[in-house]
């Protein structure tokens, strides 16, 4: 019985530790106004390796200069790219970008409505596991762990707050020979 209690305690601490890591990586950046994106190509290999998890700060268009990195939506918002600004049209508030590893600028321009912001820092290769499927599974496991810990805590509190019956009290000794 003591071994089972020890396993429960260790597994609870492991679950709490894993939940804390998930919160640190996903929730804390949002509290500081950062968005999370993943580098999914080799175009920025010199600055940001493929698979990097980047944290993007919303930046006003007026603060972006030629040579800065920007993160933006491409197309209808299905892809997120990070590229270096090589030219700007301040009148139309559009940017022309290029990957560090590419010799030519990207086709088309980036409109201000597509802009997410500027990357502030990155975690190399952490984005390799941050696929949609992985994040969905992690989210489901997170909620299962949270519900399990909540259920265990509530049942333990109920058991501890319930008054003991006379025969259940280990400190009560009755003389049965009377």
N, C-alpha and C. Protein backbone atom coordinates (compact mmCIF):
# COMPACT_ATOMS: atom_id res chain seq x y z
N UNK A 1 0.83 -1.20 0.00
CA UNK A 1 0.00 0.00 0.00
C UNK A 1 0.87 1.26 0.00
N UNK A 2 1.99 1.22 0.73
CA UNK A 2 2.88 2.38 0.79
C UNK A 2 3.52 2.63 -0.57
N UNK A 3 3.82 1.55 -1.31
CA UNK A 3 4.43 1.69 -2.63
C UNK A 3 3.47 2.37 -3.61
N UNK A 4 2.18 2.02 -3.53
CA UNK A 4 1.18 2.65 -4.40
C UNK A 4 1.07 4.13 -4.08
N UNK A 5 1.09 4.47 -2.80
CA UNK A 5 1.01 5.87 -2.39
C UNK A 5 2.23 6.64 -2.89
N UNK A 6 3.40 6.01 -2.85
CA UNK A 6 4.62 6.64 -3.33
C UNK A 6 4.56 6.85 -4.85
N UNK A 7 4.04 5.88 -5.58
CA UNK A 7 3.89 6.01 -7.04
C UNK A 7 2.92 7.14 -7.37
N UNK A 8 1.81 7.21 -6.63
CA UNK A 8 0.85 8.29 -6.86
C UNK A 8 1.49 9.66 -6.61
N UNK A 9 2.27 9.78 -5.56
CA UNK A 9 2.92 11.05 -5.24
C UNK A 9 3.90 11.45 -6.32
N UNK A 10 4.73 10.51 -6.75
CA UNK A 10 5.72 10.81 -7.79
C UNK A 10 5.04 11.17 -9.10
N UNK A 11 4.01 10.41 -9.48
CA UNK A 11 3.32 10.71 -10.74
C UNK A 11 2.61 12.05 -10.67
N UNK A 12 2.08 12.42 -9.51
CA UNK A 12 1.46 13.74 -9.36
C UNK A 12 2.48 14.86 -9.56
N UNK A 13 3.66 14.70 -8.97
CA UNK A 13 4.70 15.71 -9.14
C UNK A 13 5.17 15.79 -10.59
N UNK A 14 5.28 14.66 -11.27
CA UNK A 14 5.67 14.66 -12.68
C UNK A 14 4.61 15.37 -13.52
N UNK A 15 3.33 15.09 -13.28
CA UNK A 15 2.25 15.75 -14.01
C UNK A 15 2.26 17.26 -13.77
N UNK A 16 2.44 17.66 -12.53
CA UNK A 16 2.47 19.09 -12.21
C UNK A 16 3.66 19.76 -12.90
N UNK A 17 4.81 19.10 -12.91
CA UNK A 17 6.00 19.63 -13.57
C UNK A 17 5.77 19.80 -15.07
N UNK A 18 5.18 18.78 -15.72
CA UNK A 18 4.91 18.86 -17.15
C UNK A 18 3.88 19.95 -17.46
N UNK A 19 2.87 20.08 -16.62
CA UNK A 19 1.88 21.13 -16.81
C UNK A 19 2.51 22.51 -16.66
N UNK A 20 3.44 22.64 -15.73
CA UNK A 20 4.12 23.93 -15.54
C UNK A 20 4.94 24.29 -16.77
N UNK A 21 5.60 23.31 -17.37
CA UNK A 21 6.38 23.57 -18.58
C UNK A 21 5.47 24.02 -19.72
N UNK A 22 4.35 23.33 -19.89
CA UNK A 22 3.40 23.71 -20.93
C UNK A 22 2.89 25.13 -20.71
N UNK A 23 2.60 25.47 -19.47
CA UNK A 23 2.14 26.83 -19.16
C UNK A 23 3.22 27.86 -19.45
N UNK A 24 4.47 27.54 -19.08
CA UNK A 24 5.56 28.49 -19.32
C UNK A 24 5.74 28.77 -20.81
N UNK A 25 5.67 27.74 -21.63
CA UNK A 25 5.92 27.91 -23.05
C UNK A 25 4.73 28.54 -23.78
N UNK A 26 3.52 28.29 -23.33
CA UNK A 26 2.35 28.77 -24.06
C UNK A 26 1.66 29.98 -23.43
N UNK A 27 1.47 29.98 -22.13
CA UNK A 27 0.69 31.03 -21.49
C UNK A 27 1.51 32.27 -21.18
N UNK A 28 2.68 32.10 -20.60
CA UNK A 28 3.50 33.23 -20.17
C UNK A 28 3.82 34.18 -21.32
N UNK A 29 4.23 33.69 -22.51
CA UNK A 29 4.49 34.64 -23.60
C UNK A 29 3.26 35.49 -23.95
N UNK A 30 2.07 34.90 -23.90
CA UNK A 30 0.86 35.65 -24.21
C UNK A 30 0.60 36.74 -23.17
N UNK A 31 0.99 36.50 -21.92
CA UNK A 31 0.82 37.51 -20.88
C UNK A 31 1.71 38.72 -21.15
N UNK A 32 2.84 38.51 -21.82
CA UNK A 32 3.74 39.61 -22.16
C UNK A 32 3.49 40.14 -23.57
N UNK A 33 2.37 39.76 -24.18
CA UNK A 33 2.01 40.27 -25.49
C UNK A 33 2.78 39.66 -26.64
N UNK A 34 3.28 38.45 -26.47
CA UNK A 34 4.04 37.78 -27.52
C UNK A 34 3.19 36.70 -28.17
N UNK A 35 3.34 36.56 -29.49
CA UNK A 35 2.72 35.46 -30.22
C UNK A 35 3.78 34.40 -30.46
N UNK A 36 3.35 33.18 -30.66
CA UNK A 36 4.28 32.07 -30.89
C UNK A 36 4.12 31.60 -32.33
N UNK A 37 5.25 31.38 -32.99
CA UNK A 37 5.24 30.86 -34.36
C UNK A 37 6.40 29.89 -34.50
N UNK A 38 6.39 29.12 -35.58
CA UNK A 38 7.43 28.13 -35.82
C UNK A 38 8.04 28.39 -37.20
N UNK A 39 9.35 28.34 -37.27
CA UNK A 39 10.05 28.46 -38.55
C UNK A 39 9.95 27.10 -39.23
N UNK A 40 9.33 27.05 -40.41
CA UNK A 40 9.08 25.78 -41.09
C UNK A 40 9.82 25.64 -42.42
N UNK A 41 10.84 26.46 -42.64
CA UNK A 41 11.64 26.31 -43.86
C UNK A 41 13.09 26.72 -43.57
N UNK A 42 13.94 26.57 -44.58
CA UNK A 42 15.36 26.86 -44.40
C UNK A 42 15.76 28.24 -44.89
N UNK A 43 14.82 29.08 -45.28
CA UNK A 43 15.14 30.38 -45.86
C UNK A 43 15.85 31.31 -44.87
N UNK A 44 15.67 31.11 -43.59
CA UNK A 44 16.31 31.96 -42.58
C UNK A 44 17.41 31.22 -41.83
N UNK A 45 17.95 30.19 -42.42
CA UNK A 45 18.91 29.31 -41.76
C UNK A 45 20.05 30.04 -41.07
N UNK A 46 20.52 31.15 -41.60
CA UNK A 46 21.61 31.88 -40.96
C UNK A 46 21.23 32.47 -39.62
N UNK A 47 20.00 32.94 -39.50
CA UNK A 47 19.53 33.59 -38.27
C UNK A 47 18.66 32.69 -37.41
N UNK A 48 17.74 32.00 -38.07
CA UNK A 48 16.76 31.17 -37.36
C UNK A 48 16.70 29.80 -38.02
N UNK A 49 17.20 28.76 -37.34
CA UNK A 49 17.18 27.43 -37.94
C UNK A 49 15.76 26.90 -38.14
N UNK A 50 15.61 26.02 -39.12
CA UNK A 50 14.33 25.35 -39.37
C UNK A 50 13.90 24.64 -38.09
N UNK A 51 12.66 24.82 -37.70
CA UNK A 51 12.14 24.18 -36.49
C UNK A 51 12.26 25.04 -35.25
N UNK A 52 12.72 26.28 -35.39
CA UNK A 52 12.82 27.16 -34.23
C UNK A 52 11.44 27.63 -33.79
N UNK A 53 11.25 27.69 -32.49
CA UNK A 53 10.04 28.26 -31.91
C UNK A 53 10.35 29.73 -31.66
N UNK A 54 9.62 30.64 -32.33
CA UNK A 54 9.93 32.06 -32.18
C UNK A 54 8.81 32.76 -31.42
N UNK A 55 9.19 33.78 -30.69
CA UNK A 55 8.26 34.59 -29.92
C UNK A 55 8.23 35.97 -30.55
N UNK A 56 7.05 36.36 -31.04
CA UNK A 56 6.90 37.55 -31.88
C UNK A 56 6.16 38.64 -31.11
N UNK A 57 6.78 39.82 -31.09
CA UNK A 57 6.18 40.98 -30.44
C UNK A 57 5.46 41.83 -31.49
N UNK A 58 4.21 42.20 -31.21
CA UNK A 58 3.48 43.08 -32.11
C UNK A 58 4.21 44.41 -32.20
N UNK A 59 4.48 44.83 -33.43
CA UNK A 59 5.27 46.04 -33.66
C UNK A 59 4.52 46.95 -34.62
N UNK A 60 4.43 48.25 -34.30
CA UNK A 60 3.81 49.18 -35.25
C UNK A 60 4.63 49.27 -36.54
N UNK A 61 3.96 49.46 -37.64
CA UNK A 61 4.61 49.52 -38.95
C UNK A 61 5.69 50.61 -38.97
N UNK A 62 5.44 51.73 -38.32
CA UNK A 62 6.38 52.86 -38.35
C UNK A 62 7.72 52.53 -37.70
N UNK A 63 7.77 51.53 -36.83
CA UNK A 63 9.01 51.18 -36.13
C UNK A 63 9.88 50.18 -36.90
N UNK A 64 9.37 49.64 -37.99
CA UNK A 64 10.12 48.63 -38.74
C UNK A 64 11.02 49.32 -39.77
N UNK A 65 12.27 48.89 -39.78
CA UNK A 65 13.28 49.45 -40.67
C UNK A 65 13.78 48.39 -41.64
N UNK A 66 14.40 48.83 -42.73
CA UNK A 66 15.06 47.90 -43.66
C UNK A 66 16.15 47.17 -42.88
N UNK A 67 16.20 45.86 -43.03
CA UNK A 67 17.17 45.03 -42.32
C UNK A 67 16.58 44.30 -41.12
N UNK A 68 15.39 44.72 -40.66
CA UNK A 68 14.73 44.07 -39.53
C UNK A 68 14.09 42.77 -39.98
N UNK A 69 13.92 41.86 -39.03
CA UNK A 69 13.15 40.64 -39.28
C UNK A 69 11.68 40.94 -38.97
N UNK A 70 10.79 40.41 -39.81
CA UNK A 70 9.35 40.52 -39.54
C UNK A 70 8.71 39.15 -39.70
N UNK A 71 7.65 38.95 -38.97
CA UNK A 71 6.85 37.73 -39.09
C UNK A 71 5.48 38.16 -39.59
N UNK A 72 4.97 37.43 -40.59
CA UNK A 72 3.72 37.83 -41.24
C UNK A 72 2.97 36.62 -41.76
N UNK A 73 1.68 36.85 -42.03
CA UNK A 73 0.84 35.84 -42.65
C UNK A 73 1.04 35.90 -44.15
N UNK A 74 1.11 34.76 -44.79
CA UNK A 74 1.19 34.71 -46.24
C UNK A 74 -0.12 34.17 -46.79
N UNK A 75 -0.56 34.72 -47.90
CA UNK A 75 -1.81 34.25 -48.52
C UNK A 75 -3.00 34.61 -47.66
N UNK A 76 -3.87 33.64 -47.45
CA UNK A 76 -5.09 33.85 -46.68
C UNK A 76 -4.89 33.60 -45.19
N UNK A 77 -3.65 33.61 -44.74
CA UNK A 77 -3.37 33.42 -43.32
C UNK A 77 -3.05 32.00 -42.93
N UNK A 78 -2.92 31.11 -43.92
CA UNK A 78 -2.65 29.71 -43.61
C UNK A 78 -1.19 29.48 -43.26
N UNK A 79 -0.28 30.31 -43.81
CA UNK A 79 1.16 30.16 -43.53
C UNK A 79 1.66 31.38 -42.78
N UNK A 80 2.62 31.15 -41.89
CA UNK A 80 3.30 32.23 -41.20
C UNK A 80 4.77 32.15 -41.59
N UNK A 81 5.32 33.28 -42.05
CA UNK A 81 6.71 33.34 -42.47
C UNK A 81 7.45 34.40 -41.68
N UNK A 82 8.75 34.19 -41.53
CA UNK A 82 9.62 35.19 -40.96
C UNK A 82 10.71 35.47 -41.99
N UNK A 83 10.86 36.74 -42.35
CA UNK A 83 11.84 37.14 -43.36
C UNK A 83 12.45 38.49 -42.98
N UNK A 84 13.54 38.83 -43.67
CA UNK A 84 14.21 40.10 -43.46
C UNK A 84 13.65 41.14 -44.44
N UNK A 85 13.42 42.35 -43.97
CA UNK A 85 12.93 43.43 -44.82
C UNK A 85 14.10 43.96 -45.64
N UNK A 86 13.95 43.96 -46.98
CA UNK A 86 15.00 44.47 -47.86
C UNK A 86 14.60 45.80 -48.50
N UNK A 87 13.32 46.13 -48.50
CA UNK A 87 12.85 47.42 -49.02
C UNK A 87 11.47 47.70 -48.45
N UNK A 88 11.10 48.98 -48.45
CA UNK A 88 9.80 49.37 -47.91
C UNK A 88 9.18 50.41 -48.83
N UNK A 89 7.87 50.40 -48.86
CA UNK A 89 7.11 51.46 -49.50
C UNK A 89 6.31 52.11 -48.38
N UNK A 90 6.85 53.19 -47.83
CA UNK A 90 6.22 53.81 -46.67
C UNK A 90 4.88 54.44 -47.01
N UNK A 91 4.70 54.84 -48.27
CA UNK A 91 3.41 55.44 -48.68
C UNK A 91 2.29 54.39 -48.62
N UNK A 92 2.55 53.19 -49.15
CA UNK A 92 1.54 52.12 -49.14
C UNK A 92 1.68 51.22 -47.92
N UNK A 93 2.69 51.46 -47.11
CA UNK A 93 2.97 50.67 -45.91
C UNK A 93 3.07 49.19 -46.24
N UNK A 94 3.95 48.90 -47.20
CA UNK A 94 4.21 47.51 -47.58
C UNK A 94 5.71 47.25 -47.46
N UNK A 95 6.04 45.97 -47.32
CA UNK A 95 7.42 45.54 -47.16
C UNK A 95 7.77 44.54 -48.25
N UNK A 96 9.03 44.59 -48.65
CA UNK A 96 9.58 43.60 -49.57
C UNK A 96 10.61 42.81 -48.77
N UNK A 97 10.51 41.49 -48.82
CA UNK A 97 11.30 40.66 -47.92
C UNK A 97 12.16 39.65 -48.67
N UNK A 98 13.10 39.07 -47.92
CA UNK A 98 13.99 38.06 -48.46
C UNK A 98 14.46 37.17 -47.32
N UNK A 99 14.57 35.89 -47.59
CA UNK A 99 15.15 34.99 -46.63
C UNK A 99 16.66 35.16 -46.61
N UNK A 100 17.31 35.04 -45.47
CA UNK A 100 18.76 35.22 -45.36
C UNK A 100 19.53 34.27 -46.28
N UNK A 101 18.98 33.14 -46.51
CA UNK A 101 19.66 32.12 -47.31
C UNK A 101 19.35 32.26 -48.81
N UNK A 102 18.37 33.06 -49.16
CA UNK A 102 17.97 33.23 -50.55
C UNK A 102 18.78 34.36 -51.19
N UNK A 103 19.00 34.24 -52.50
CA UNK A 103 19.75 35.28 -53.20
C UNK A 103 18.85 36.39 -53.71
N UNK A 104 17.57 36.12 -53.87
CA UNK A 104 16.64 37.12 -54.39
C UNK A 104 15.50 37.37 -53.41
N UNK A 105 14.88 38.52 -53.58
CA UNK A 105 13.74 38.87 -52.73
C UNK A 105 12.55 37.96 -53.06
N UNK A 106 11.66 37.85 -52.11
CA UNK A 106 10.43 37.07 -52.29
C UNK A 106 9.54 37.77 -53.31
N UNK A 107 8.72 37.00 -53.99
CA UNK A 107 7.76 37.59 -54.92
C UNK A 107 6.65 38.27 -54.13
N UNK A 108 6.21 39.39 -54.64
CA UNK A 108 5.12 40.11 -53.99
C UNK A 108 5.61 40.92 -52.80
N UNK A 109 4.66 41.52 -52.14
CA UNK A 109 4.99 42.35 -50.98
C UNK A 109 4.15 41.92 -49.79
N UNK A 110 4.54 42.43 -48.63
CA UNK A 110 3.81 42.15 -47.39
C UNK A 110 3.08 43.42 -46.99
N UNK A 111 1.78 43.34 -46.96
CA UNK A 111 0.95 44.47 -46.58
C UNK A 111 0.90 44.58 -45.06
N UNK A 112 0.64 45.76 -44.55
CA UNK A 112 0.58 45.95 -43.10
C UNK A 112 -0.47 45.07 -42.44
N UNK A 113 -1.53 44.72 -43.15
CA UNK A 113 -2.59 43.87 -42.58
C UNK A 113 -2.10 42.44 -42.38
N UNK A 114 -1.04 42.04 -43.07
CA UNK A 114 -0.48 40.69 -42.92
C UNK A 114 0.54 40.61 -41.80
N UNK A 115 1.02 41.73 -41.33
CA UNK A 115 2.10 41.79 -40.35
C UNK A 115 1.66 41.29 -38.98
N UNK A 116 2.44 40.40 -38.40
CA UNK A 116 2.22 39.96 -37.03
C UNK A 116 3.11 40.76 -36.09
N UNK A 117 4.38 40.89 -36.45
CA UNK A 117 5.31 41.67 -35.63
C UNK A 117 6.74 41.26 -35.90
N UNK A 118 7.61 41.52 -34.90
CA UNK A 118 9.02 41.20 -35.02
C UNK A 118 9.39 40.12 -34.01
N UNK A 119 10.20 39.14 -34.44
CA UNK A 119 10.66 38.12 -33.50
C UNK A 119 11.58 38.75 -32.45
N UNK A 120 11.34 38.42 -31.17
CA UNK A 120 12.18 38.95 -30.11
C UNK A 120 13.23 37.94 -29.68
N UNK A 121 12.86 36.67 -29.61
CA UNK A 121 13.83 35.61 -29.33
C UNK A 121 13.29 34.30 -29.85
N UNK A 122 14.15 33.28 -29.87
CA UNK A 122 13.72 31.99 -30.39
C UNK A 122 14.36 30.86 -29.59
N UNK A 123 13.72 29.71 -29.66
CA UNK A 123 14.24 28.48 -29.06
C UNK A 123 14.51 27.52 -30.22
N UNK A 124 15.79 27.33 -30.56
CA UNK A 124 16.12 26.49 -31.72
C UNK A 124 15.57 25.07 -31.56
N UNK A 125 14.97 24.57 -32.61
CA UNK A 125 14.49 23.20 -32.75
C UNK A 125 13.31 22.83 -31.85
N UNK A 126 12.86 23.70 -30.97
CA UNK A 126 11.69 23.40 -30.14
C UNK A 126 10.42 23.33 -30.97
N UNK A 127 10.41 24.00 -32.10
CA UNK A 127 9.25 24.01 -32.96
C UNK A 127 9.07 22.72 -33.74
N UNK A 128 10.11 21.86 -33.77
CA UNK A 128 9.98 20.60 -34.50
C UNK A 128 8.88 19.72 -33.93
N UNK A 129 8.67 19.82 -32.62
CA UNK A 129 7.61 19.02 -31.99
C UNK A 129 6.30 19.79 -31.91
N UNK A 130 6.31 21.07 -32.26
CA UNK A 130 5.12 21.90 -32.14
C UNK A 130 4.26 21.83 -33.40
N UNK A 131 3.92 20.63 -33.81
CA UNK A 131 3.00 20.47 -34.93
C UNK A 131 1.58 20.57 -34.40
N UNK A 132 0.62 20.76 -35.28
CA UNK A 132 -0.78 20.88 -34.85
C UNK A 132 -1.24 19.61 -34.12
N UNK A 133 -0.84 18.46 -34.63
CA UNK A 133 -1.24 17.19 -34.01
C UNK A 133 -0.63 17.07 -32.62
N UNK A 134 0.66 17.39 -32.51
CA UNK A 134 1.34 17.31 -31.22
C UNK A 134 0.69 18.25 -30.21
N UNK A 135 0.41 19.49 -30.64
CA UNK A 135 -0.19 20.45 -29.73
C UNK A 135 -1.59 20.01 -29.30
N UNK A 136 -2.35 19.41 -30.20
CA UNK A 136 -3.68 18.91 -29.85
C UNK A 136 -3.57 17.79 -28.82
N UNK A 137 -2.66 16.85 -29.05
CA UNK A 137 -2.46 15.75 -28.10
C UNK A 137 -1.97 16.29 -26.76
N UNK A 138 -1.04 17.24 -26.78
CA UNK A 138 -0.53 17.83 -25.54
C UNK A 138 -1.64 18.54 -24.78
N UNK A 139 -2.50 19.22 -25.51
CA UNK A 139 -3.62 19.92 -24.88
C UNK A 139 -4.59 18.93 -24.24
N UNK A 140 -4.88 17.85 -24.93
CA UNK A 140 -5.78 16.82 -24.38
C UNK A 140 -5.15 16.19 -23.14
N UNK A 141 -3.87 15.85 -23.21
CA UNK A 141 -3.18 15.28 -22.04
C UNK A 141 -3.14 16.26 -20.88
N UNK A 142 -2.95 17.53 -21.20
CA UNK A 142 -2.94 18.57 -20.16
C UNK A 142 -4.26 18.58 -19.42
N UNK A 143 -5.38 18.56 -20.15
CA UNK A 143 -6.69 18.62 -19.50
C UNK A 143 -7.00 17.32 -18.75
N UNK A 144 -6.56 16.19 -19.29
CA UNK A 144 -6.75 14.93 -18.56
C UNK A 144 -5.99 14.96 -17.25
N UNK A 145 -4.75 15.44 -17.30
CA UNK A 145 -3.93 15.53 -16.08
C UNK A 145 -4.56 16.51 -15.09
N UNK A 146 -5.03 17.65 -15.59
CA UNK A 146 -5.64 18.65 -14.71
C UNK A 146 -6.89 18.09 -14.05
N UNK A 147 -7.73 17.39 -14.82
CA UNK A 147 -8.95 16.81 -14.25
C UNK A 147 -8.63 15.69 -13.27
N UNK A 148 -7.61 14.89 -13.57
CA UNK A 148 -7.21 13.81 -12.66
C UNK A 148 -6.72 14.39 -11.34
N UNK A 149 -5.88 15.39 -11.40
CA UNK A 149 -5.36 16.00 -10.17
C UNK A 149 -6.50 16.65 -9.39
N UNK A 150 -7.39 17.33 -10.09
CA UNK A 150 -8.53 17.96 -9.42
C UNK A 150 -9.42 16.91 -8.75
N UNK A 151 -9.75 15.83 -9.47
CA UNK A 151 -10.58 14.77 -8.91
C UNK A 151 -9.91 14.12 -7.70
N UNK A 152 -8.62 13.84 -7.81
CA UNK A 152 -7.88 13.23 -6.70
C UNK A 152 -7.86 14.15 -5.49
N UNK A 153 -7.65 15.42 -5.71
CA UNK A 153 -7.62 16.39 -4.61
C UNK A 153 -8.98 16.48 -3.93
N UNK A 154 -10.04 16.55 -4.70
CA UNK A 154 -11.39 16.65 -4.13
C UNK A 154 -11.74 15.40 -3.33
N UNK A 155 -11.46 14.22 -3.88
CA UNK A 155 -11.79 12.99 -3.14
C UNK A 155 -10.95 12.87 -1.87
N UNK A 156 -9.70 13.30 -1.92
CA UNK A 156 -8.86 13.26 -0.71
C UNK A 156 -9.40 14.22 0.34
N UNK A 157 -9.78 15.41 -0.07
CA UNK A 157 -10.33 16.38 0.89
C UNK A 157 -11.63 15.88 1.49
N UNK A 158 -12.47 15.25 0.69
CA UNK A 158 -13.73 14.72 1.22
C UNK A 158 -13.45 13.62 2.24
N UNK A 159 -12.52 12.73 1.90
CA UNK A 159 -12.17 11.64 2.82
C UNK A 159 -11.60 12.18 4.13
N UNK A 160 -10.77 13.20 4.05
CA UNK A 160 -10.15 13.75 5.26
C UNK A 160 -11.11 14.57 6.10
N UNK A 161 -12.11 15.18 5.49
CA UNK A 161 -13.05 16.01 6.25
C UNK A 161 -14.20 15.21 6.84
N UNK A 162 -14.37 13.96 6.42
CA UNK A 162 -15.44 13.11 6.92
C UNK A 162 -15.11 12.67 8.35
N UNK A 163 -16.05 12.77 9.29
CA UNK A 163 -15.77 12.31 10.66
C UNK A 163 -15.57 10.79 10.68
N UNK A 164 -14.62 10.36 11.51
CA UNK A 164 -14.33 8.93 11.62
C UNK A 164 -15.38 8.24 12.47
N UNK A 165 -15.70 7.03 12.09
CA UNK A 165 -16.58 6.22 12.92
C UNK A 165 -15.76 5.74 14.11
N UNK A 166 -16.42 5.32 15.13
CA UNK A 166 -15.73 4.90 16.34
C UNK A 166 -14.75 3.76 16.06
N UNK A 167 -15.13 2.77 15.23
CA UNK A 167 -14.25 1.64 14.97
C UNK A 167 -13.11 2.01 14.04
N UNK A 168 -13.21 3.13 13.30
CA UNK A 168 -12.16 3.55 12.39
C UNK A 168 -11.07 4.39 13.07
N UNK A 169 -11.33 4.87 14.29
CA UNK A 169 -10.37 5.72 14.96
C UNK A 169 -9.23 4.87 15.52
N UNK A 170 -8.00 5.02 15.01
CA UNK A 170 -6.90 4.17 15.48
C UNK A 170 -6.44 4.51 16.89
N UNK A 171 -6.81 5.65 17.42
CA UNK A 171 -6.36 6.05 18.75
C UNK A 171 -7.35 5.68 19.84
N UNK A 172 -8.47 5.19 19.42
CA UNK A 172 -9.50 4.84 20.39
C UNK A 172 -9.42 3.34 20.68
N UNK A 173 -9.10 3.04 21.93
CA UNK A 173 -9.04 1.62 22.35
C UNK A 173 -10.17 1.37 23.34
N UNK A 174 -10.96 0.40 23.05
CA UNK A 174 -12.03 0.05 23.95
C UNK A 174 -11.69 -1.30 24.60
N UNK A 175 -12.05 -1.40 25.77
CA UNK A 175 -11.83 -2.66 26.48
C UNK A 175 -13.01 -3.56 26.14
N UNK A 176 -12.71 -4.62 25.39
CA UNK A 176 -13.77 -5.50 24.90
C UNK A 176 -14.12 -6.58 25.92
N UNK A 177 -13.45 -6.62 27.04
CA UNK A 177 -13.71 -7.67 28.02
C UNK A 177 -14.79 -7.28 29.01
N UNK A 178 -15.37 -6.15 28.91
CA UNK A 178 -16.35 -5.69 29.88
C UNK A 178 -17.55 -6.53 29.91
